[in-house]
């Protein structure tokens, strides 16, 4: 006879599903998928589907999208872009 732990059975104590959070997650997933498809159509590969909408709106270079990291300042963006360009041109 299989044993079932009480912690694996559903409860009625109000710890149900947060429907508002579920709706937000679905909406975010749809936005991310649309952004991911647009980025891919432009020849850019984001690191993941999740977060693609944020990357699309904040990233100002291909390097930022492909790394999944956006910069807070224009100076940091220029400095990093210059370093990446130096590395790519050295190959």
Protein backbone atom coordinates (compact mmCIF):
# COMPACT_ATOMS: atom_id res chain seq x y z
CA UNK A 1 0.00 0.00 0.00
CA UNK A 2 1.52 3.40 -0.98
CA UNK A 3 2.10 5.95 1.76
CA UNK A 4 0.99 9.57 1.21
CA UNK A 5 2.39 12.36 3.29
CA UNK A 6 -0.13 14.93 4.57
CA UNK A 7 2.04 17.69 3.09
CA UNK A 8 1.37 16.39 -0.43
CA UNK A 9 -2.39 16.59 -0.17
CA UNK A 10 -4.34 19.77 -0.97
CA UNK A 11 -5.73 21.84 1.86
CA UNK A 12 -8.68 24.15 2.22
CA UNK A 13 -6.93 26.60 4.52
CA UNK A 14 -6.96 29.55 2.12
CA UNK A 15 -3.49 28.95 0.73
CA UNK A 16 -5.00 28.63 -2.72
CA UNK A 17 -3.85 30.01 -6.03
CA UNK A 18 -3.27 33.75 -6.32
CA UNK A 19 -5.23 34.39 -9.51
CA UNK A 20 -4.01 37.98 -9.87
CA UNK A 21 -0.39 36.85 -9.76
CA UNK A 22 -1.21 34.15 -12.30
CA UNK A 23 -2.79 36.71 -14.65
CA UNK A 24 0.24 39.01 -14.32
CA UNK A 25 2.61 36.13 -15.04
CA UNK A 26 0.65 35.16 -18.16
CA UNK A 27 0.60 38.76 -19.36
CA UNK A 28 4.37 39.09 -18.78
CA UNK A 29 4.98 35.79 -20.57
CA UNK A 30 3.06 37.01 -23.62
CA UNK A 31 5.00 40.31 -23.67
CA UNK A 32 8.31 38.48 -23.30
CA UNK A 33 7.49 36.06 -26.12
CA UNK A 34 6.50 38.89 -28.47
CA UNK A 35 9.70 40.81 -27.65
CA UNK A 36 11.80 37.65 -28.05
CA UNK A 37 10.34 37.05 -31.51
CA UNK A 38 11.00 40.66 -32.57
CA UNK A 39 14.60 40.51 -31.35
CA UNK A 40 15.18 37.19 -33.12
CA UNK A 41 13.66 38.61 -36.32
CA UNK A 42 16.26 41.41 -36.08
CA UNK A 43 19.06 38.84 -35.81
CA UNK A 44 19.70 39.23 -32.08
CA UNK A 45 19.71 36.28 -29.67
CA UNK A 46 18.55 37.14 -26.12
CA UNK A 47 19.77 34.72 -23.44
CA UNK A 48 16.21 33.66 -22.55
CA UNK A 49 12.58 34.33 -23.37
CA UNK A 50 11.85 35.50 -19.82
CA UNK A 51 12.86 39.13 -19.47
CA UNK A 52 13.06 39.79 -23.22
CA UNK A 53 10.54 42.65 -23.03
CA UNK A 54 12.67 44.44 -20.43
CA UNK A 55 15.82 43.90 -22.49
CA UNK A 56 14.11 45.17 -25.62
CA UNK A 57 12.96 48.35 -23.88
CA UNK A 58 16.18 49.15 -21.99
CA UNK A 59 19.04 47.80 -24.09
CA UNK A 60 20.71 50.18 -26.50
CA UNK A 61 23.13 47.78 -28.14
CA UNK A 62 23.29 44.25 -29.46
CA UNK A 63 25.88 43.45 -26.79
CA UNK A 64 23.43 44.32 -24.03
CA UNK A 65 20.71 42.10 -25.50
CA UNK A 66 22.95 39.09 -26.10
CA UNK A 67 24.51 39.33 -22.64
CA UNK A 68 21.17 39.96 -20.93
CA UNK A 69 22.71 42.86 -19.00
CA UNK A 70 21.77 46.52 -19.44
CA UNK A 71 23.86 49.45 -18.22
CA UNK A 72 22.71 52.27 -15.97
CA UNK A 73 24.89 54.95 -17.50
CA UNK A 74 25.96 55.99 -20.98
CA UNK A 75 29.61 56.03 -19.83
CA UNK A 76 29.49 52.39 -18.73
CA UNK A 77 27.75 51.48 -21.99
CA UNK A 78 30.46 53.22 -24.09
CA UNK A 79 33.32 51.75 -22.05
CA UNK A 80 32.02 48.20 -22.30
CA UNK A 81 31.11 48.58 -25.97
CA UNK A 82 34.61 49.81 -26.71
CA UNK A 83 36.17 46.84 -24.87
CA UNK A 84 33.96 44.36 -26.72
CA UNK A 85 34.75 45.98 -30.07
CA UNK A 86 38.49 45.76 -29.28
CA UNK A 87 38.16 42.07 -28.46
CA UNK A 88 36.12 41.30 -31.58
CA UNK A 89 38.49 43.21 -33.87
CA UNK A 90 41.54 41.41 -32.38
CA UNK A 91 40.29 38.03 -33.56
